[in-house]
Amino acid sequence: MNFDLPEELQDIRRLARDFAENEVKPGVDADDKAHRFRRDLVSKMGELGFLGCVIPEEYGGNGLGYMALAILAEEIARVHSSLRLVFAANTLGPAITIWRHGSEELKQKYLPGLCSGELLGCFAMTEPDAGSDVAAMKTKAILDGDSYVLNGSKMWISYAPVADVGLVYAYTDPTQRVKGMSAFIVDMKSPGIIVEEIKEKLGNWASPTGSITFENCRVPKENLLGKEGQGFAICMQQLDNTRLASAA
């Protein structure tokens, strides 16, 4: 059995290693000490196609696949762990989830920017009292006319302080437990969203983490991913994807 990488993937590895060594590595120590997130580096990664591996070309990606993404995550993390979080938080968070479960309108609206780095995404499931037990979350999204009213809190969310787009999980019917959970795409600049950065961490200092509070935040009903009640299944599928980036 031949375990050698195809030439295309070897080229990707060389490109990623060169980028990591020449663009990322020189500033690692200073960025960590300053707790400084380098949006400019994320933009360059988008320009190089690093953020669109699992998204088709028609939506701004390049369709190179999961192996390419794993290689990219390895090469970036080898130099700076903080920066590799973009693959989990952005690409394998809202981007791939919109592609799989979003309407055509949501795909056209958000995917090109998430692939290019013009937009930055995060996903919000963890809460102060709901970590590994996702079903214990308290956040609710109640339909009111042409929008859902989102109320609740999320905690320890990677990229929360800098994200433009959030993949948010909430209960649309709390009486149904996991069958009452739904998934939404949220404009993180919407009224009713309060984000606070969490600065005391043990590592990944150059990757901002924060809490998110939703206070009567209105989300257009068109921003529902899939159907009401499908959020838990979407969440588990999305976590399977983010584990790839974490393992790499």
Protein backbone atom coordinates (compact mmCIF):
# COMPACT_ATOMS: atom_id res chain seq x y z
CA MET A 1 0.00 0.00 0.00
CA ASN A 2 1.34 3.42 -0.97
CA PHE A 3 1.06 6.02 1.79
CA ASP A 4 2.81 8.79 -0.13
CA LEU A 5 0.86 12.01 -0.53
CA PRO A 6 -0.23 12.98 -4.05
CA GLU A 7 1.88 15.73 -5.58
CA GLU A 8 -0.93 18.27 -5.14
CA LEU A 9 -1.00 17.70 -1.38
CA GLN A 10 2.77 17.79 -1.17
CA ASP A 11 2.62 21.21 -2.84
CA ILE A 12 0.05 22.33 -0.27
CA ARG A 13 2.32 21.18 2.56
CA ARG A 14 5.26 23.09 1.14
CA LEU A 15 3.16 26.21 0.69
CA ALA A 16 1.79 25.99 4.23
CA ARG A 17 5.23 25.35 5.74
CA ASP A 18 6.73 28.30 3.89
CA PHE A 19 3.89 30.53 5.05
CA ALA A 20 4.21 29.34 8.64
CA GLU A 21 7.97 29.81 8.75
CA ASN A 22 8.13 33.13 6.93
CA GLU A 23 4.89 34.89 7.89
CA VAL A 24 3.82 33.42 11.22
CA LYS A 25 6.91 32.30 13.13
CA PRO A 26 8.71 35.68 13.35
CA GLY A 27 5.90 37.19 15.43
CA VAL A 28 4.86 34.23 17.57
CA ASP A 29 6.54 35.22 20.85
CA ALA A 30 5.50 38.87 20.64
CA ASP A 31 1.92 37.98 19.66
CA ASP A 32 1.60 35.54 22.56
CA LYS A 33 2.97 38.00 25.09
CA ALA A 34 0.65 40.74 23.86
CA HIS A 35 -2.34 38.35 23.54
CA ARG A 36 -2.57 39.75 20.00
CA PHE A 37 -4.83 38.14 17.40
CA ARG A 38 -3.43 38.52 13.89
CA ARG A 39 -6.41 39.07 11.62
CA ASP A 40 -3.95 40.05 8.88
CA LEU A 41 -2.49 36.53 8.93
CA VAL A 42 -5.96 35.00 8.71
CA SER A 43 -6.66 37.20 5.69
CA LYS A 44 -3.47 35.99 4.03
CA MET A 45 -4.46 32.40 4.75
CA GLY A 46 -7.77 33.10 3.06
CA GLU A 47 -6.01 34.56 0.03
CA LEU A 48 -3.89 31.41 -0.22
CA GLY A 49 -6.99 29.21 -0.14
CA PHE A 50 -6.28 27.69 3.26
CA LEU A 51 -9.80 28.38 4.61
CA GLY A 52 -11.80 26.89 1.74
CA CYS A 53 -10.59 23.29 1.52
CA VAL A 54 -13.91 21.65 2.39
CA ILE A 55 -16.13 24.15 0.54
CA PRO A 56 -16.89 23.80 -3.20
CA GLU A 57 -15.57 26.34 -5.68
CA GLU A 58 -19.05 27.66 -6.46
CA TYR A 59 -19.20 29.10 -2.92
CA GLY A 60 -15.69 30.50 -2.78
CA GLY A 61 -13.81 27.40 -1.65
CA ASN A 62 -11.48 25.12 -3.56
CA GLY A 63 -12.79 21.66 -2.68
CA LEU A 64 -9.35 20.21 -1.91
CA GLY A 65 -10.81 18.14 0.89
CA TYR A 66 -10.21 17.06 4.47
CA MET A 67 -6.69 15.72 3.94
CA ALA A 68 -5.58 19.12 2.68
CA LEU A 69 -7.17 20.81 5.69
CA ALA A 70 -5.45 18.38 8.08
CA ILE A 71 -2.08 19.09 6.46
CA LEU A 72 -2.64 22.84 6.71
CA ALA A 73 -3.65 22.57 10.37
CA GLU A 74 -0.53 20.51 11.11
CA GLU A 75 1.81 22.98 9.47
CA ILE A 76 0.30 26.07 11.07
CA ALA A 77 0.05 24.45 14.52
CA ARG A 78 3.67 23.31 14.31
CA VAL A 79 4.65 26.99 14.43
CA HIS A 80 1.78 28.58 16.37
CA SER A 81 -1.11 26.69 17.99
CA SER A 82 -3.16 29.86 18.43
CA LEU A 83 -3.48 30.41 14.70
CA ARG A 84 -4.49 26.88 13.81
CA LEU A 85 -7.77 27.40 15.70
CA VAL A 86 -9.13 29.18 12.63
CA PHE A 87 -9.62 25.78 10.96
CA ALA A 88 -11.90 24.55 13.75
CA ALA A 89 -13.64 27.78 14.72
CA ASN A 90 -14.22 29.13 11.22
CA THR A 91 -13.92 26.49 8.50
CA LEU A 92 -15.23 23.44 10.36
CA GLY A 93 -17.66 25.57 12.38
CA PRO A 94 -20.04 27.89 10.54
CA ALA A 95 -18.59 27.46 7.04
CA ILE A 96 -19.06 23.73 6.55
CA THR A 97 -22.30 23.75 8.56
CA ILE A 98 -23.82 26.45 6.33
CA TRP A 99 -22.74 24.48 3.27
CA ARG A 100 -24.36 21.29 4.58
CA HIS A 101 -27.52 22.66 6.16
CA GLY A 102 -28.03 26.26 5.07
CA SER A 103 -30.31 27.63 2.40
CA GLU A 104 -28.90 28.75 -0.93
CA GLU A 105 -29.30 32.34 0.25
CA LEU A 106 -27.18 31.70 3.37
CA LYS A 107 -24.53 29.91 1.31
CA GLN A 108 -24.24 32.79 -1.14
CA LYS A 109 -24.27 35.38 1.63
CA TYR A 110 -21.67 33.92 3.99
CA LEU A 111 -19.51 31.21 2.43
CA PRO A 112 -17.37 33.34 0.08
CA GLY A 113 -16.40 35.65 2.95
CA LEU A 114 -15.70 32.80 5.38
CA CYS A 115 -13.44 31.18 2.77
CA SER A 116 -11.60 34.37 1.84
CA GLY A 117 -11.06 35.53 5.41
CA GLU A 118 -13.14 38.65 4.84
CA LEU A 119 -15.54 37.21 7.42
CA LEU A 120 -14.52 35.32 10.53
CA GLY A 121 -16.73 32.76 12.18
CA CYS A 122 -17.18 31.12 15.56
CA PHE A 123 -19.50 28.46 16.93
CA ALA A 124 -21.30 28.76 20.25
CA MET A 125 -22.59 25.73 22.08
CA THR A 126 -20.77 25.65 25.45
CA GLU A 127 -22.44 27.41 28.37
CA PRO A 128 -21.43 28.10 32.00
CA ASP A 129 -23.32 24.99 33.11
CA ALA A 130 -23.29 23.03 29.85
CA GLY A 131 -19.91 21.90 28.62
CA SER A 132 -19.50 18.37 27.30
CA ASP A 133 -23.21 17.79 27.99
CA VAL A 134 -24.56 19.87 25.12
CA ALA A 135 -28.14 18.90 25.94
CA ALA A 136 -27.88 20.79 29.25
CA MET A 137 -27.78 24.18 27.51
CA LYS A 138 -30.30 26.84 28.57
CA THR A 139 -30.19 29.28 25.65
CA LYS A 140 -33.56 29.65 23.93
CA ALA A 141 -34.69 30.90 20.54
CA ILE A 142 -38.43 31.57 20.41
CA LEU A 143 -40.12 32.32 17.11
CA ASP A 144 -41.82 35.71 17.08
CA GLY A 145 -43.17 36.79 13.71
CA ASP A 146 -40.45 36.76 11.09
CA SER A 147 -37.58 36.25 13.55
CA TYR A 148 -36.41 34.19 16.49
CA VAL A 149 -35.73 35.96 19.79
CA LEU A 150 -32.49 34.63 21.22
CA ASN A 151 -31.80 34.72 24.97
CA GLY A 152 -29.05 33.04 26.96
CA SER A 153 -25.31 32.87 27.54
CA LYS A 154 -22.40 31.04 25.94
CA MET A 155 -19.00 30.61 27.54
CA TRP A 156 -15.41 29.86 26.45
CA ILE A 157 -16.16 30.53 22.80
CA SER A 158 -13.08 30.68 20.59
CA TYR A 159 -13.03 33.82 18.40
CA ALA A 160 -16.11 35.29 20.08
CA PRO A 161 -14.46 38.73 20.51
CA VAL A 162 -13.46 38.96 16.84
CA ALA A 163 -16.12 36.95 14.99
CA ASP A 164 -18.44 38.39 12.37
CA VAL A 165 -20.63 35.31 12.07
CA GLY A 166 -21.74 32.90 14.77
CA LEU A 167 -23.11 29.38 14.55
CA VAL A 168 -25.34 29.30 17.61
CA TYR A 169 -27.22 26.40 19.14
CA ALA A 170 -30.37 27.04 21.20
CA TYR A 171 -33.60 25.40 22.25
CA THR A 172 -36.64 26.26 20.17
CA ASP A 173 -38.66 23.83 22.29
CA PRO A 174 -37.00 23.16 25.68
CA THR A 175 -39.65 20.55 26.57
CA GLN A 176 -38.28 18.20 23.91
CA ARG A 177 -34.67 18.05 25.16
CA VAL A 178 -32.32 17.21 22.27
CA LYS A 179 -35.23 17.00 19.85
CA GLY A 180 -36.06 20.62 20.64
CA MET A 181 -32.63 22.05 19.84
CA SER A 182 -32.01 24.11 16.69
CA ALA A 183 -29.06 25.73 14.94
CA PHE A 184 -28.81 29.32 13.70
CA ILE A 185 -26.46 31.60 11.84
CA VAL A 186 -26.17 34.88 13.76
CA ASP A 187 -24.68 38.19 12.70
CA MET A 188 -22.41 38.88 15.68
CA LYS A 189 -22.87 42.64 15.25
CA SER A 190 -26.63 42.36 15.86
CA PRO A 191 -28.31 44.36 18.63
CA GLY A 192 -28.73 42.36 21.83
CA ILE A 193 -25.32 40.65 21.73
CA ILE A 194 -22.76 41.33 24.46
CA VAL A 195 -19.29 39.81 24.09
CA GLU A 196 -16.66 39.86 26.82
CA GLU A 197 -13.13 38.61 26.28
CA ILE A 198 -11.68 35.98 28.63
CA LYS A 199 -8.03 36.92 29.04
CA GLU A 200 -6.89 34.53 31.78
CA LYS A 201 -5.95 31.34 29.93
CA LEU A 202 -3.20 28.75 30.15
CA GLY A 203 -2.30 28.90 26.48
CA ASN A 204 -3.36 29.89 22.96
CA TRP A 205 -2.99 33.49 24.12
CA ALA A 206 -3.07 34.90 20.59
CA SER A 207 -6.45 33.28 19.92
CA PRO A 208 -9.21 35.33 21.59
CA THR A 209 -11.80 33.54 23.69
CA GLY A 210 -14.93 35.07 25.15
CA SER A 211 -18.38 34.83 26.62
CA ILE A 212 -21.49 35.77 24.64
CA THR A 213 -24.73 37.01 26.16
CA PHE A 214 -27.88 37.21 24.06
CA GLU A 215 -30.52 39.61 25.31
CA ASN A 216 -33.62 39.58 23.10
CA CYS A 217 -31.39 39.29 20.03
CA ARG A 218 -33.52 38.94 16.92
CA VAL A 219 -32.37 36.43 14.32
CA PRO A 220 -34.20 36.26 10.96
CA LYS A 221 -36.10 32.99 10.66
CA GLU A 222 -34.31 32.44 7.36
CA ASN A 223 -31.11 31.97 9.39
CA LEU A 224 -32.33 28.67 10.79
CA LEU A 225 -30.12 25.81 9.62
CA GLY A 226 -32.07 22.76 8.56
CA LYS A 227 -35.36 22.52 10.44
CA GLU A 228 -36.40 23.16 14.01
CA GLY A 229 -35.34 20.26 16.19
CA GLN A 230 -32.37 19.24 14.02
CA GLY A 231 -29.84 21.27 16.00
CA PHE A 232 -28.48 18.43 18.14
CA ALA A 233 -27.78 16.22 15.13
CA ILE A 234 -26.16 19.17 13.33
CA CYS A 235 -24.09 19.91 16.42
CA MET A 236 -22.79 16.33 16.73
CA GLN A 237 -21.89 16.26 13.04
CA GLN A 238 -20.10 19.58 13.35
CA LEU A 239 -18.12 18.40 16.39
CA ASP A 240 -16.97 15.35 14.42
CA ASN A 241 -15.50 17.77 11.89
CA THR A 242 -13.78 20.05 14.41
CA ARG A 243 -12.11 17.01 15.98
CA LEU A 244 -10.23 16.55 12.73
CA ALA A 245 -8.60 19.95 13.05
CA SER A 246 -7.90 19.40 16.74
CA ALA A 247 -6.32 16.00 16.09
CA ALA A 248 -4.19 17.41 13.27
